[in-house]
Structures are given as C-alpha cells and as structure tokens.
Amino acid sequence: MNTSAATETATAKKVRVTDRALVVELRDGRVVSVPLEWYPRLAGGSPAERSRWELIGPGIGVHWPDLDEDISVEGLLQGLPSGESPESLKRWRASRKRPANNRMQPTARRNVRRRG
C-alpha cells in the first residue's frame, strides 16, 4: 500500500456570506462553513460589500476588495479565525466612518453646460 500519495492544494470555487457564516465551496466538493464573527471585517461589511469577492490566484484564497479582507483556504481548513490585531481593526473601522474626500467626488460644474 502506498501511503505517500501526493496531496493536492485545496482551492475555492464559490463563496457565500450569510448573516451568520462564511461558506466556501471547494473544487474537490467539500464545503467549509465558519462563523462570520471570526472575520470582523466581513461581519462589519454590508451585504453588497460581502457579495463582491474575488478568488486569489487559482482559488488559494478569497479577497473582498471593498473590505480589504483576504482569507486563505488553508486557514479556513485549519479553523483559524482572523489574526488581525485589535489596533488594526480599530483603524480600519475608523477609516470607514470618515467622510469621503471631496476631491474624489464629481463636481456639479462638470455637469453644467457652458454658454458660449
């Protein structure tokens, strides 16, 4: 019996975030579900922000661009919650409460026709 069979890296193919859980479907058919509270940025995000995710590379992880959150499949399989420090999470939460930079917003002048 050969016990040294090569192992394949688990990769994600589909992601769903509910009000209570992060659910990741893997390419090998497994489904991993963990409490949403393990990932405070996801828990603090809106349903729209949670629904905008991207696979990292071939699916070794998941990235939420609106929340600046990355979660690896390996970490999910090991049952590891977020390793973000309380200080980092506090800064992130504070940055979400700041008003938008006015220079980044379109101005009303651009929409006004000039008379000539």
N, C-alpha and C. Protein backbone atom coordinates (compact mmCIF):
# COMPACT_ATOMS: atom_id res chain seq x y z
N MET A 1 0.83 -1.18 0.00
CA MET A 1 0.00 0.00 0.00
C MET A 1 0.88 1.24 0.00
N ASN A 2 0.56 2.17 -0.87
CA ASN A 2 1.32 3.39 -0.99
C ASN A 2 0.68 4.47 -0.13
N THR A 3 1.37 4.89 0.92
CA THR A 3 0.81 5.91 1.82
C THR A 3 1.40 7.28 1.56
N SER A 4 2.26 7.41 0.57
CA SER A 4 2.87 8.70 0.28
C SER A 4 2.26 9.36 -0.95
N ALA A 5 0.96 9.21 -1.10
CA ALA A 5 0.28 9.81 -2.24
C ALA A 5 0.40 11.33 -2.18
N ALA A 6 0.57 11.93 -3.34
CA ALA A 6 0.68 13.39 -3.40
C ALA A 6 -0.64 14.03 -3.02
N THR A 7 -0.54 15.11 -2.28
CA THR A 7 -1.76 15.82 -1.90
C THR A 7 -1.91 17.05 -2.78
N GLU A 8 -3.13 17.34 -3.15
CA GLU A 8 -3.44 18.50 -3.97
C GLU A 8 -3.87 19.65 -3.08
N THR A 9 -3.44 20.84 -3.41
CA THR A 9 -3.83 22.02 -2.65
C THR A 9 -5.32 22.28 -2.83
N ALA A 10 -6.01 22.46 -1.72
CA ALA A 10 -7.44 22.76 -1.77
C ALA A 10 -7.64 24.17 -2.30
N THR A 11 -8.59 24.34 -3.21
CA THR A 11 -8.88 25.66 -3.76
C THR A 11 -10.38 25.93 -3.75
N ALA A 12 -10.70 27.20 -3.62
CA ALA A 12 -12.09 27.64 -3.58
C ALA A 12 -12.64 27.81 -4.99
N LYS A 13 -13.95 27.61 -5.12
CA LYS A 13 -14.59 27.92 -6.40
C LYS A 13 -15.81 28.82 -6.23
N LYS A 14 -16.42 28.81 -5.06
CA LYS A 14 -17.62 29.60 -4.83
C LYS A 14 -17.65 30.05 -3.37
N VAL A 15 -18.15 31.27 -3.16
CA VAL A 15 -18.18 31.85 -1.82
C VAL A 15 -19.55 32.45 -1.56
N ARG A 16 -20.00 32.29 -0.34
CA ARG A 16 -21.27 32.90 0.07
C ARG A 16 -21.09 33.39 1.50
N VAL A 17 -21.59 34.58 1.77
CA VAL A 17 -21.55 35.13 3.12
C VAL A 17 -22.98 35.40 3.55
N THR A 18 -23.39 34.75 4.62
CA THR A 18 -24.73 34.97 5.18
C THR A 18 -24.60 35.91 6.37
N ASP A 19 -25.69 36.15 7.05
CA ASP A 19 -25.65 36.99 8.25
C ASP A 19 -24.90 36.33 9.39
N ARG A 20 -24.70 35.00 9.28
CA ARG A 20 -24.07 34.26 10.38
C ARG A 20 -22.82 33.50 10.02
N ALA A 21 -22.58 33.26 8.71
CA ALA A 21 -21.47 32.38 8.34
C ALA A 21 -20.80 32.76 7.03
N LEU A 22 -19.54 32.37 6.92
CA LEU A 22 -18.80 32.40 5.67
C LEU A 22 -18.80 30.97 5.16
N VAL A 23 -19.30 30.77 3.95
CA VAL A 23 -19.42 29.43 3.37
C VAL A 23 -18.60 29.40 2.08
N VAL A 24 -17.62 28.49 2.03
CA VAL A 24 -16.74 28.38 0.88
C VAL A 24 -16.84 26.97 0.30
N GLU A 25 -17.19 26.90 -0.98
CA GLU A 25 -17.26 25.63 -1.69
C GLU A 25 -15.92 25.40 -2.37
N LEU A 26 -15.33 24.26 -2.11
CA LEU A 26 -14.02 23.92 -2.68
C LEU A 26 -14.19 23.13 -3.96
N ARG A 27 -13.18 23.18 -4.80
CA ARG A 27 -13.22 22.48 -6.09
C ARG A 27 -13.31 20.96 -5.92
N ASP A 28 -12.85 20.43 -4.79
CA ASP A 28 -12.90 18.98 -4.58
C ASP A 28 -14.24 18.51 -4.02
N GLY A 29 -15.20 19.43 -3.88
CA GLY A 29 -16.54 19.06 -3.44
C GLY A 29 -16.82 19.36 -1.98
N ARG A 30 -15.81 19.63 -1.18
CA ARG A 30 -16.05 19.96 0.22
C ARG A 30 -16.65 21.36 0.34
N VAL A 31 -17.38 21.55 1.43
CA VAL A 31 -17.94 22.86 1.75
C VAL A 31 -17.49 23.20 3.17
N VAL A 32 -16.87 24.35 3.32
CA VAL A 32 -16.38 24.80 4.62
C VAL A 32 -17.24 25.98 5.07
N SER A 33 -17.75 25.88 6.29
CA SER A 33 -18.56 26.95 6.85
C SER A 33 -18.00 27.33 8.21
N VAL A 34 -17.76 28.63 8.40
CA VAL A 34 -17.23 29.11 9.67
C VAL A 34 -18.07 30.29 10.13
N PRO A 35 -18.09 30.56 11.44
CA PRO A 35 -18.88 31.69 11.94
C PRO A 35 -18.37 33.01 11.37
N LEU A 36 -19.28 33.87 10.98
CA LEU A 36 -18.93 35.17 10.42
C LEU A 36 -18.16 36.00 11.45
N GLU A 37 -18.46 35.83 12.71
CA GLU A 37 -17.79 36.61 13.76
C GLU A 37 -16.28 36.36 13.81
N TRP A 38 -15.81 35.28 13.18
CA TRP A 38 -14.37 35.02 13.11
C TRP A 38 -13.65 36.07 12.27
N TYR A 39 -14.37 36.74 11.41
CA TYR A 39 -13.79 37.72 10.48
C TYR A 39 -14.52 39.05 10.64
N PRO A 40 -14.05 39.89 11.56
CA PRO A 40 -14.75 41.14 11.88
C PRO A 40 -14.97 42.08 10.70
N ARG A 41 -14.06 42.10 9.74
CA ARG A 41 -14.28 42.98 8.58
C ARG A 41 -15.47 42.49 7.76
N LEU A 42 -15.58 41.20 7.58
CA LEU A 42 -16.75 40.67 6.86
C LEU A 42 -18.02 40.93 7.66
N ALA A 43 -17.94 40.69 8.97
CA ALA A 43 -19.11 40.91 9.83
C ALA A 43 -19.55 42.37 9.79
N GLY A 44 -18.58 43.29 9.67
CA GLY A 44 -18.89 44.71 9.65
C GLY A 44 -19.27 45.25 8.28
N GLY A 45 -19.15 44.43 7.26
CA GLY A 45 -19.47 44.87 5.91
C GLY A 45 -20.94 44.78 5.59
N SER A 46 -21.35 45.52 4.59
CA SER A 46 -22.74 45.46 4.13
C SER A 46 -22.93 44.20 3.29
N PRO A 47 -24.17 43.77 3.09
CA PRO A 47 -24.40 42.63 2.21
C PRO A 47 -23.80 42.84 0.81
N ALA A 48 -23.87 44.06 0.29
CA ALA A 48 -23.30 44.33 -1.04
C ALA A 48 -21.78 44.17 -1.01
N GLU A 49 -21.13 44.67 0.04
CA GLU A 49 -19.68 44.54 0.14
C GLU A 49 -19.27 43.08 0.30
N ARG A 50 -20.03 42.34 1.05
CA ARG A 50 -19.73 40.91 1.25
C ARG A 50 -19.90 40.11 -0.03
N SER A 51 -20.80 40.56 -0.88
CA SER A 51 -21.07 39.79 -2.11
C SER A 51 -20.03 40.03 -3.20
N ARG A 52 -19.21 41.07 -3.05
CA ARG A 52 -18.16 41.37 -4.05
C ARG A 52 -16.85 40.74 -3.59
N TRP A 53 -16.61 39.55 -4.07
CA TRP A 53 -15.38 38.84 -3.72
C TRP A 53 -14.67 38.38 -4.98
N GLU A 54 -13.38 38.10 -4.83
CA GLU A 54 -12.55 37.61 -5.93
C GLU A 54 -11.71 36.46 -5.41
N LEU A 55 -11.47 35.48 -6.27
CA LEU A 55 -10.55 34.42 -5.89
C LEU A 55 -9.13 34.94 -6.00
N ILE A 56 -8.29 34.51 -5.10
CA ILE A 56 -6.86 34.84 -5.15
C ILE A 56 -6.19 33.72 -5.94
N GLY A 57 -5.54 34.11 -7.02
CA GLY A 57 -4.87 33.12 -7.88
C GLY A 57 -5.85 32.06 -8.34
N PRO A 58 -5.45 30.79 -8.23
CA PRO A 58 -6.32 29.71 -8.68
C PRO A 58 -7.40 29.33 -7.65
N GLY A 59 -7.56 30.15 -6.61
CA GLY A 59 -8.55 29.86 -5.57
C GLY A 59 -7.92 29.50 -4.24
N ILE A 60 -6.65 29.87 -4.04
CA ILE A 60 -6.00 29.55 -2.77
C ILE A 60 -6.52 30.43 -1.63
N GLY A 61 -7.28 31.45 -1.99
CA GLY A 61 -7.87 32.34 -1.01
C GLY A 61 -8.95 33.17 -1.64
N VAL A 62 -9.57 34.01 -0.82
CA VAL A 62 -10.65 34.87 -1.26
C VAL A 62 -10.33 36.30 -0.82
N HIS A 63 -10.59 37.25 -1.70
CA HIS A 63 -10.33 38.66 -1.44
C HIS A 63 -11.62 39.45 -1.58
N TRP A 64 -11.91 40.33 -0.61
CA TRP A 64 -13.03 41.25 -0.67
C TRP A 64 -12.45 42.65 -0.82
N PRO A 65 -12.43 43.20 -2.04
CA PRO A 65 -11.78 44.50 -2.26
C PRO A 65 -12.41 45.65 -1.48
N ASP A 66 -13.72 45.65 -1.31
CA ASP A 66 -14.38 46.74 -0.59
C ASP A 66 -14.06 46.74 0.90
N LEU A 67 -13.68 45.58 1.42
CA LEU A 67 -13.41 45.43 2.86
C LEU A 67 -11.93 45.26 3.16
N ASP A 68 -11.11 45.20 2.12
CA ASP A 68 -9.67 44.96 2.27
C ASP A 68 -9.43 43.72 3.13
N GLU A 69 -10.12 42.64 2.79
CA GLU A 69 -10.04 41.38 3.55
C GLU A 69 -9.57 40.26 2.65
N ASP A 70 -8.62 39.47 3.14
CA ASP A 70 -8.13 38.29 2.45
C ASP A 70 -8.20 37.12 3.41
N ILE A 71 -8.77 36.00 2.93
CA ILE A 71 -8.87 34.79 3.76
C ILE A 71 -8.36 33.62 2.92
N SER A 72 -7.42 32.87 3.47
CA SER A 72 -6.86 31.73 2.74
C SER A 72 -7.71 30.48 2.98
N VAL A 73 -7.76 29.64 1.96
CA VAL A 73 -8.46 28.36 2.09
C VAL A 73 -7.75 27.51 3.14
N GLU A 74 -6.43 27.53 3.15
CA GLU A 74 -5.67 26.76 4.14
C GLU A 74 -6.06 27.16 5.56
N GLY A 75 -6.18 28.48 5.79
CA GLY A 75 -6.59 28.95 7.12
C GLY A 75 -7.99 28.49 7.49
N LEU A 76 -8.89 28.49 6.51
CA LEU A 76 -10.26 28.00 6.76
C LEU A 76 -10.23 26.53 7.17
N LEU A 77 -9.46 25.74 6.43
CA LEU A 77 -9.39 24.30 6.70
C LEU A 77 -8.75 24.01 8.05
N GLN A 78 -7.88 24.90 8.50
CA GLN A 78 -7.24 24.72 9.81
C GLN A 78 -8.08 25.31 10.94
N GLY A 79 -9.21 25.94 10.59
CA GLY A 79 -10.09 26.52 11.60
C GLY A 79 -9.51 27.76 12.26
N LEU A 80 -8.77 28.55 11.48
CA LEU A 80 -8.13 29.74 12.03
C LEU A 80 -9.00 30.98 11.82
N PRO A 81 -9.39 31.65 12.89
CA PRO A 81 -10.11 32.92 12.74
C PRO A 81 -9.13 34.02 12.33
N SER A 82 -9.64 35.20 12.11
CA SER A 82 -8.82 36.34 11.71
C SER A 82 -7.68 36.55 12.69
N GLY A 83 -6.52 36.85 12.16
CA GLY A 83 -5.37 37.15 13.01
C GLY A 83 -5.10 38.63 13.11
N GLU A 84 -6.06 39.45 12.67
CA GLU A 84 -5.87 40.89 12.69
C GLU A 84 -5.81 41.40 14.13
N SER A 85 -4.88 42.31 14.38
CA SER A 85 -4.74 42.87 15.72
C SER A 85 -5.90 43.81 16.03
N PRO A 86 -6.22 43.95 17.30
CA PRO A 86 -7.29 44.89 17.68
C PRO A 86 -7.00 46.32 17.21
N GLU A 87 -5.73 46.73 17.24
CA GLU A 87 -5.37 48.08 16.81
C GLU A 87 -5.64 48.27 15.32
N SER A 88 -5.27 47.27 14.52
CA SER A 88 -5.50 47.34 13.07
C SER A 88 -7.00 47.39 12.77
N LEU A 89 -7.76 46.56 13.44
CA LEU A 89 -9.21 46.54 13.23
C LEU A 89 -9.83 47.88 13.63
N LYS A 90 -9.35 48.47 14.70
CA LYS A 90 -9.85 49.77 15.15
C LYS A 90 -9.57 50.85 14.10
N ARG A 91 -8.36 50.85 13.53
CA ARG A 91 -8.02 51.82 12.47
C ARG A 91 -8.91 51.62 11.25
N TRP A 92 -9.15 50.35 10.88
CA TRP A 92 -10.00 50.06 9.72
C TRP A 92 -11.42 50.56 9.95
N ARG A 93 -11.96 50.29 11.12
CA ARG A 93 -13.32 50.75 11.44
C ARG A 93 -13.39 52.28 11.41
N ALA A 94 -12.38 52.94 11.94
CA ALA A 94 -12.36 54.41 11.95
C ALA A 94 -12.29 54.95 10.52
N SER A 95 -11.54 54.29 9.66
CA SER A 95 -11.42 54.77 8.27
C SER A 95 -12.74 54.65 7.53
N ARG A 96 -13.58 53.72 7.91
CA ARG A 96 -14.88 53.55 7.26
C ARG A 96 -15.87 54.63 7.69
N LYS A 97 -15.61 55.31 8.80
CA LYS A 97 -16.52 56.34 9.30
C LYS A 97 -16.17 57.72 8.79
N ARG A 98 -14.98 57.87 8.19
CA ARG A 98 -14.55 59.18 7.69
C ARG A 98 -15.36 59.57 6.46
N PRO A 99 -15.66 60.86 6.31
CA PRO A 99 -16.37 61.29 5.10
C PRO A 99 -15.47 61.13 3.88
N ALA A 100 -16.09 60.96 2.75
CA ALA A 100 -15.33 60.80 1.51
C ALA A 100 -14.54 62.06 1.20
N ASN A 101 -13.43 61.90 0.56
CA ASN A 101 -12.59 63.01 0.16
C ASN A 101 -13.31 63.77 -0.95
N ASN A 102 -13.55 65.05 -0.76
CA ASN A 102 -14.30 65.84 -1.73
C ASN A 102 -13.61 65.90 -3.09
N ARG A 103 -12.28 65.81 -3.12
CA ARG A 103 -11.58 65.85 -4.40
C ARG A 103 -11.88 64.62 -5.24
N MET A 104 -12.30 63.56 -4.62
CA MET A 104 -12.59 62.33 -5.34
C MET A 104 -14.02 62.30 -5.88
N GLN A 105 -14.85 63.23 -5.42
CA GLN A 105 -16.25 63.25 -5.82
C GLN A 105 -16.41 64.10 -7.08
N PRO A 106 -17.30 63.69 -7.99
CA PRO A 106 -17.54 64.53 -9.17
C PRO A 106 -18.15 65.86 -8.73
N THR A 107 -17.79 66.91 -9.42
CA THR A 107 -18.32 68.22 -9.06
C THR A 107 -19.52 68.56 -9.94
N ALA A 108 -20.35 69.44 -9.43
CA ALA A 108 -21.53 69.85 -10.18
C ALA A 108 -21.13 70.64 -11.43
N ARG A 109 -19.99 71.29 -11.36
CA ARG A 109 -19.54 72.10 -12.51
C ARG A 109 -19.36 71.25 -13.77
N ARG A 110 -18.93 70.03 -13.62
CA ARG A 110 -18.69 69.18 -14.79
C ARG A 110 -19.99 68.88 -15.52
N ASN A 111 -21.09 68.96 -14.83
CA ASN A 111 -22.38 68.62 -15.43
C ASN A 111 -23.11 69.85 -15.97
N VAL A 112 -22.55 71.03 -15.77
CA VAL A 112 -23.18 72.27 -16.22
C VAL A 112 -22.69 72.60 -17.62
N ARG A 113 -23.63 72.90 -18.51
CA ARG A 113 -23.25 73.31 -19.87
C ARG A 113 -22.74 74.73 -19.84
N ARG A 114 -21.69 74.95 -20.57
CA ARG A 114 -21.16 76.30 -20.66
C ARG A 114 -21.82 77.00 -21.84
N ARG A 115 -22.18 78.23 -21.59
CA ARG A 115 -22.77 79.03 -22.68
C ARG A 115 -21.67 79.77 -23.39
N GLY A 116 -21.74 79.81 -24.68
CA GLY A 116 -20.65 80.48 -25.34
C GLY A 116 -20.99 81.21 -26.52
